[in-house]
Amino acid sequence: MDNKKIILFPISLLLSILTAFLTFILGIGTTILYFLMLMCIVAAIGSFMQKDISLGIEALVLGFFC
């Protein structure tokens, strides 16, 4: 019975570390995509101010759906 606990402890520790690392990477990826979306929306507002409606709509679609 004690042998199973000794063998399973490093495996569960490794899985916990892997889960924490992948959650961290997911957070970084989400932040990068958020900034990309924000830049697309700012570019769309700039395009609307420059009277380029089609480019502004493309930037809005790219910002909201990608």
PDB file of N, CA and C in Angstrom:
ATOM      1  N   MET A   1       0.827  -1.196   0.000  1.00  0.00           N
ATOM      2  CA  MET A   1       0.000   0.000   0.000  1.00  0.00           C
ATOM      3  C   MET A   1       0.872   1.261   0.000  1.00  0.00           C
ATOM      4  N   ASP A   2       1.932   1.259   0.785  1.00  0.00           N
ATOM      5  CA  ASP A   2       2.794   2.427   0.850  1.00  0.00           C
ATOM      6  C   ASP A   2       3.596   2.617  -0.432  1.00  0.00           C
ATOM      7  N   ASN A   3       3.882   1.528  -1.136  1.00  0.00           N
ATOM      8  CA  ASN A   3       4.625   1.641  -2.387  1.00  0.00           C
ATOM      9  C   ASN A   3       3.844   2.415  -3.435  1.00  0.00           C
ATOM     10  N   LYS A   4       2.526   2.234  -3.486  1.00  0.00           N
ATOM     11  CA  LYS A   4       1.707   2.949  -4.458  1.00  0.00           C
ATOM     12  C   LYS A   4       1.727   4.448  -4.183  1.00  0.00           C
ATOM     13  N   LYS A   5       1.688   4.837  -2.923  1.00  0.00           N
ATOM     14  CA  LYS A   5       1.732   6.255  -2.584  1.00  0.00           C
ATOM     15  C   LYS A   5       3.083   6.861  -2.955  1.00  0.00           C
ATOM     16  N   ILE A   6       4.152   6.120  -2.773  1.00  0.00           N
ATOM     17  CA  ILE A   6       5.491   6.604  -3.098  1.00  0.00           C
ATOM     18  C   ILE A   6       5.634   6.771  -4.611  1.00  0.00           C
ATOM     19  N   ILE A   7       5.064   5.869  -5.381  1.00  0.00           N
ATOM     20  CA  ILE A   7       5.169   5.935  -6.836  1.00  0.00           C
ATOM     21  C   ILE A   7       4.248   7.030  -7.394  1.00  0.00           C
ATOM     22  N   LEU A   8       3.059   7.187  -6.833  1.00  0.00           N
ATOM     23  CA  LEU A   8       2.089   8.136  -7.372  1.00  0.00           C
ATOM     24  C   LEU A   8       2.388   9.586  -6.988  1.00  0.00           C
ATOM     25  N   PHE A   9       3.110   9.808  -5.923  1.00  0.00           N
ATOM     26  CA  PHE A   9       3.385  11.180  -5.505  1.00  0.00           C
ATOM     27  C   PHE A   9       4.174  11.976  -6.544  1.00  0.00           C
ATOM     28  N   PRO A  10       5.274  11.455  -7.107  1.00  0.00           N
ATOM     29  CA  PRO A  10       5.984  12.245  -8.125  1.00  0.00           C
ATOM     30  C   PRO A  10       5.146  12.484  -9.384  1.00  0.00           C
ATOM     31  N   ILE A  11       4.318  11.508  -9.728  1.00  0.00           N
ATOM     32  CA  ILE A  11       3.459  11.671 -10.911  1.00  0.00           C
ATOM     33  C   ILE A  11       2.444  12.784 -10.675  1.00  0.00           C
ATOM     34  N   SER A  12       1.802  12.792  -9.522  1.00  0.00           N
ATOM     35  CA  SER A  12       0.817  13.842  -9.238  1.00  0.00           C
ATOM     36  C   SER A  12       1.491  15.207  -9.093  1.00  0.00           C
ATOM     37  N   LEU A  13       2.690  15.241  -8.570  1.00  0.00           N
ATOM     38  CA  LEU A  13       3.436  16.492  -8.458  1.00  0.00           C
ATOM     39  C   LEU A  13       3.789  17.019  -9.847  1.00  0.00           C
ATOM     40  N   LEU A  14       4.249  16.134 -10.728  1.00  0.00           N
ATOM     41  CA  LEU A  14       4.584  16.527 -12.091  1.00  0.00           C
ATOM     42  C   LEU A  14       3.353  17.037 -12.842  1.00  0.00           C
ATOM     43  N   LEU A  15       2.231  16.373 -12.674  1.00  0.00           N
ATOM     44  CA  LEU A  15       0.996  16.819 -13.332  1.00  0.00           C
ATOM     45  C   LEU A  15       0.525  18.165 -12.790  1.00  0.00           C
ATOM     46  N   SER A  16       0.700  18.405 -11.517  1.00  0.00           N
ATOM     47  CA  SER A  16       0.325  19.692 -10.934  1.00  0.00           C
ATOM     48  C   SER A  16       1.197  20.820 -11.490  1.00  0.00           C
ATOM     49  N   ILE A  17       2.485  20.567 -11.596  1.00  0.00           N
ATOM     50  CA  ILE A  17       3.407  21.571 -12.154  1.00  0.00           C
ATOM     51  C   ILE A  17       3.082  21.829 -13.619  1.00  0.00           C
ATOM     52  N   LEU A  18       2.804  20.769 -14.377  1.00  0.00           N
ATOM     53  CA  LEU A  18       2.445  20.915 -15.782  1.00  0.00           C
ATOM     54  C   LEU A  18       1.152  21.707 -15.951  1.00  0.00           C
ATOM     55  N   THR A  19       0.172  21.458 -15.116  1.00  0.00           N
ATOM     56  CA  THR A  19      -1.089  22.197 -15.172  1.00  0.00           C
ATOM     57  C   THR A  19      -0.875  23.673 -14.870  1.00  0.00           C
ATOM     58  N   ALA A  20      -0.068  23.975 -13.877  1.00  0.00           N
ATOM     59  CA  ALA A  20       0.210  25.373 -13.538  1.00  0.00           C
ATOM     60  C   ALA A  20       0.944  26.079 -14.672  1.00  0.00           C
ATOM     61  N   PHE A  21       1.911  25.402 -15.282  1.00  0.00           N
ATOM     62  CA  PHE A  21       2.668  25.992 -16.386  1.00  0.00           C
ATOM     63  C   PHE A  21       1.771  26.247 -17.590  1.00  0.00           C
ATOM     64  N   LEU A  22       0.929  25.292 -17.944  1.00  0.00           N
ATOM     65  CA  LEU A  22       0.046  25.465 -19.096  1.00  0.00           C
ATOM     66  C   LEU A  22      -1.011  26.547 -18.848  1.00  0.00           C
ATOM     67  N   THR A  23      -1.465  26.690 -17.616  1.00  0.00           N
ATOM     68  CA  THR A  23      -2.391  27.769 -17.277  1.00  0.00           C
ATOM     69  C   THR A  23      -1.712  29.125 -17.434  1.00  0.00           C
ATOM     70  N   PHE A  24      -0.443  29.206 -17.044  1.00  0.00           N
ATOM     71  CA  PHE A  24       0.330  30.437 -17.208  1.00  0.00           C
ATOM     72  C   PHE A  24       0.503  30.785 -18.682  1.00  0.00           C
ATOM     73  N   ILE A  25       0.838  29.796 -19.507  1.00  0.00           N
ATOM     74  CA  ILE A  25       0.999  30.021 -20.944  1.00  0.00           C
ATOM     75  C   ILE A  25      -0.324  30.452 -21.565  1.00  0.00           C
ATOM     76  N   LEU A  26      -1.424  29.855 -21.139  1.00  0.00           N
ATOM     77  CA  LEU A  26      -2.743  30.238 -21.633  1.00  0.00           C
ATOM     78  C   LEU A  26      -3.058  31.681 -21.288  1.00  0.00           C
ATOM     79  N   GLY A  27      -2.695  32.115 -20.101  1.00  0.00           N
ATOM     80  CA  GLY A  27      -2.910  33.511 -19.707  1.00  0.00           C
ATOM     81  C   GLY A  27      -2.111  34.477 -20.558  1.00  0.00           C
ATOM     82  N   ILE A  28      -0.873  34.118 -20.879  1.00  0.00           N
ATOM     83  CA  ILE A  28      -0.050  34.974 -21.740  1.00  0.00           C
ATOM     84  C   ILE A  28      -0.657  35.064 -23.134  1.00  0.00           C
ATOM     85  N   GLY A  29      -1.087  33.933 -23.678  1.00  0.00           N
ATOM     86  CA  GLY A  29      -1.702  33.930 -24.999  1.00  0.00           C
ATOM     87  C   GLY A  29      -2.974  34.740 -25.048  1.00  0.00           C
ATOM     88  N   THR A  30      -3.783  34.659 -24.005  1.00  0.00           N
ATOM     89  CA  THR A  30      -5.021  35.428 -23.936  1.00  0.00           C
ATOM     90  C   THR A  30      -4.714  36.921 -23.896  1.00  0.00           C
ATOM     91  N   THR A  31      -3.698  37.310 -23.161  1.00  0.00           N
ATOM     92  CA  THR A  31      -3.321  38.727 -23.083  1.00  0.00           C
ATOM     93  C   THR A  31      -2.844  39.251 -24.428  1.00  0.00           C
ATOM     94  N   ILE A  32      -2.044  38.459 -25.135  1.00  0.00           N
ATOM     95  CA  ILE A  32      -1.557  38.878 -26.450  1.00  0.00           C
ATOM     96  C   ILE A  32      -2.729  39.054 -27.421  1.00  0.00           C
ATOM     97  N   LEU A  33      -3.672  38.119 -27.409  1.00  0.00           N
ATOM     98  CA  LEU A  33      -4.830  38.235 -28.298  1.00  0.00           C
ATOM     99  C   LEU A  33      -5.711  39.419 -27.926  1.00  0.00           C
ATOM    100  N   TYR A  34      -5.806  39.737 -26.629  1.00  0.00           N
ATOM    101  CA  TYR A  34      -6.585  40.894 -26.207  1.00  0.00           C
ATOM    102  C   TYR A  34      -5.968  42.183 -26.750  1.00  0.00           C
ATOM    103  N   PHE A  35      -4.641  42.312 -26.667  1.00  0.00           N
ATOM    104  CA  PHE A  35      -3.988  43.509 -27.193  1.00  0.00           C
ATOM    105  C   PHE A  35      -4.121  43.599 -28.709  1.00  0.00           C
ATOM    106  N   LEU A  36      -4.069  42.471 -29.401  1.00  0.00           N
ATOM    107  CA  LEU A  36      -4.266  42.460 -30.845  1.00  0.00           C
ATOM    108  C   LEU A  36      -5.677  42.928 -31.198  1.00  0.00           C
ATOM    109  N   MET A  37      -6.671  42.453 -30.451  1.00  0.00           N
ATOM    110  CA  MET A  37      -8.048  42.882 -30.671  1.00  0.00           C
ATOM    111  C   MET A  37      -8.184  44.382 -30.419  1.00  0.00           C
ATOM    112  N   LEU A  38      -7.560  44.875 -29.379  1.00  0.00           N
ATOM    113  CA  LEU A  38      -7.630  46.293 -29.054  1.00  0.00           C
ATOM    114  C   LEU A  38      -7.008  47.142 -30.154  1.00  0.00           C
ATOM    115  N   MET A  39      -5.879  46.684 -30.707  1.00  0.00           N
ATOM    116  CA  MET A  39      -5.240  47.426 -31.795  1.00  0.00           C
ATOM    117  C   MET A  39      -6.117  47.433 -33.047  1.00  0.00           C
ATOM    118  N   CYS A  40      -6.809  46.340 -33.328  1.00  0.00           N
ATOM    119  CA  CYS A  40      -7.709  46.301 -34.485  1.00  0.00           C
ATOM    120  C   CYS A  40      -8.875  47.269 -34.300  1.00  0.00           C
ATOM    121  N   ILE A  41      -9.400  47.366 -33.101  1.00  0.00           N
ATOM    122  CA  ILE A  41     -10.515  48.274 -32.848  1.00  0.00           C
ATOM    123  C   ILE A  41     -10.055  49.727 -32.951  1.00  0.00           C
ATOM    124  N   VAL A  42      -8.868  50.042 -32.453  1.00  0.00           N
ATOM    125  CA  VAL A  42      -8.330  51.399 -32.575  1.00  0.00           C
ATOM    126  C   VAL A  42      -8.083  51.735 -34.046  1.00  0.00           C
ATOM    127  N   ALA A  43      -7.578  50.766 -34.818  1.00  0.00           N
ATOM    128  CA  ALA A  43      -7.370  50.991 -36.254  1.00  0.00           C
ATOM    129  C   ALA A  43      -8.703  51.205 -36.963  1.00  0.00           C
ATOM    130  N   ALA A  44      -9.740  50.501 -36.544  1.00  0.00           N
ATOM    131  CA  ALA A  44     -11.057  50.685 -37.143  1.00  0.00           C
ATOM    132  C   ALA A  44     -11.592  52.088 -36.859  1.00  0.00           C
ATOM    133  N   ILE A  45     -11.407  52.559 -35.641  1.00  0.00           N
ATOM    134  CA  ILE A  45     -11.859  53.918 -35.302  1.00  0.00           C
ATOM    135  C   ILE A  45     -11.093  54.938 -36.125  1.00  0.00           C
ATOM    136  N   GLY A  46      -9.788  54.722 -36.288  1.00  0.00           N
ATOM    137  CA  GLY A  46      -8.998  55.613 -37.133  1.00  0.00           C
ATOM    138  C   GLY A  46      -9.441  55.584 -38.587  1.00  0.00           C
ATOM    139  N   SER A  47      -9.795  54.406 -39.068  1.00  0.00           N
ATOM    140  CA  SER A  47     -10.275  54.304 -40.453  1.00  0.00           C
ATOM    141  C   SER A  47     -11.604  55.018 -40.628  1.00  0.00           C
ATOM    142  N   PHE A  48     -12.471  54.921 -39.639  1.00  0.00           N
ATOM    143  CA  PHE A  48     -13.744  55.637 -39.720  1.00  0.00           C
ATOM    144  C   PHE A  48     -13.517  57.149 -39.710  1.00  0.00           C
ATOM    145  N   MET A  49     -12.538  57.611 -38.958  1.00  0.00           N
ATOM    146  CA  MET A  49     -12.241  59.044 -38.923  1.00  0.00           C
ATOM    147  C   MET A  49     -11.648  59.525 -40.250  1.00  0.00           C
ATOM    148  N   GLN A  50     -10.933  58.626 -40.953  1.00  0.00           N
ATOM    149  CA  GLN A  50     -10.345  58.972 -42.247  1.00  0.00           C
ATOM    150  C   GLN A  50     -11.331  58.734 -43.400  1.00  0.00           C
ATOM    151  N   LYS A  51     -12.562  58.404 -43.088  1.00  0.00           N
ATOM    152  CA  LYS A  51     -13.639  58.155 -44.057  1.00  0.00           C
ATOM    153  C   LYS A  51     -13.382  56.933 -44.934  1.00  0.00           C
ATOM    154  N   ASP A  52     -12.639  55.952 -44.416  1.00  0.00           N
ATOM    155  CA  ASP A  52     -12.429  54.692 -45.134  1.00  0.00           C
ATOM    156  C   ASP A  52     -13.291  53.631 -44.446  1.00  0.00           C
ATOM    157  N   ILE A  53     -14.551  53.600 -44.835  1.00  0.00           N
ATOM    158  CA  ILE A  53     -15.548  52.791 -44.138  1.00  0.00           C
ATOM    159  C   ILE A  53     -15.279  51.286 -44.318  1.00  0.00           C
ATOM    160  N   SER A  54     -14.920  50.870 -45.531  1.00  0.00           N
ATOM    161  CA  SER A  54     -14.738  49.431 -45.769  1.00  0.00           C
ATOM    162  C   SER A  54     -13.562  48.870 -44.957  1.00  0.00           C
ATOM    163  N   LEU A  55     -12.474  49.620 -44.878  1.00  0.00           N
ATOM    164  CA  LEU A  55     -11.334  49.164 -44.074  1.00  0.00           C
ATOM    165  C   LEU A  55     -11.693  49.154 -42.584  1.00  0.00           C
ATOM    166  N   GLY A  56     -12.483  50.124 -42.149  1.00  0.00           N
ATOM    167  CA  GLY A  56     -12.916  50.155 -40.753  1.00  0.00           C
ATOM    168  C   GLY A  56     -13.784  48.973 -40.395  1.00  0.00           C
ATOM    169  N   ILE A  57     -14.683  48.590 -41.314  1.00  0.00           N
ATOM    170  CA  ILE A  57     -15.539  47.429 -41.056  1.00  0.00           C
ATOM    171  C   ILE A  57     -14.705  46.153 -41.037  1.00  0.00           C
ATOM    172  N   GLU A  58     -13.732  46.040 -41.940  1.00  0.00           N
ATOM    173  CA  GLU A  58     -12.852  44.868 -41.934  1.00  0.00           C
ATOM    174  C   GLU A  58     -12.060  44.771 -40.633  1.00  0.00           C
ATOM    175  N   ALA A  59     -11.579  45.896 -40.144  1.00  0.00           N
ATOM    176  CA  ALA A  59     -10.814  45.882 -38.889  1.00  0.00           C
ATOM    177  C   ALA A  59     -11.703  45.504 -37.707  1.00  0.00           C
ATOM    178  N   LEU A  60     -12.956  45.990 -37.716  1.00  0.00           N
ATOM    179  CA  LEU A  60     -13.880  45.616 -36.634  1.00  0.00           C
ATOM    180  C   LEU A  60     -14.186  44.129 -36.662  1.00  0.00           C
ATOM    181  N   VAL A  61     -14.432  43.596 -37.859  1.00  0.00           N
ATOM    182  CA  VAL A  61     -14.713  42.153 -37.963  1.00  0.00           C
ATOM    183  C   VAL A  61     -13.489  41.363 -37.516  1.00  0.00           C
ATOM    184  N   LEU A  62     -12.306  41.781 -37.935  1.00  0.00           N
ATOM    185  CA  LEU A  62     -11.085  41.083 -37.528  1.00  0.00           C
ATOM    186  C   LEU A  62     -10.875  41.172 -36.023  1.00  0.00           C
ATOM    187  N   GLY A  63     -11.165  42.340 -35.439  1.00  0.00           N
ATOM    188  CA  GLY A  63     -10.962  42.512 -34.005  1.00  0.00           C
ATOM    189  C   GLY A  63     -11.943  41.716 -33.154  1.00  0.00           C
ATOM    190  N   PHE A  64     -13.179  41.594 -33.609  1.00  0.00           N
ATOM    191  CA  PHE A  64     -14.182  40.926 -32.781  1.00  0.00           C
ATOM    192  C   PHE A  64     -14.274  39.433 -32.997  1.00  0.00           C
ATOM    193  N   PHE A  65     -13.899  38.953 -34.170  1.00  0.00           N
ATOM    194  CA  PHE A  65     -14.105  37.529 -34.456  1.00  0.00           C
ATOM    195  C   PHE A  65     -12.826  36.715 -34.533  1.00  0.00           C
ATOM    196  N   CYS A  66     -11.682  37.328 -34.336  1.00  0.00           N
ATOM    197  CA  CYS A  66     -10.433  36.549 -34.392  1.00  0.00           C
ATOM    198  C   CYS A  66      -9.742  36.472 -33.058  1.00  0.00           C
TER     199      CYS A  66
END
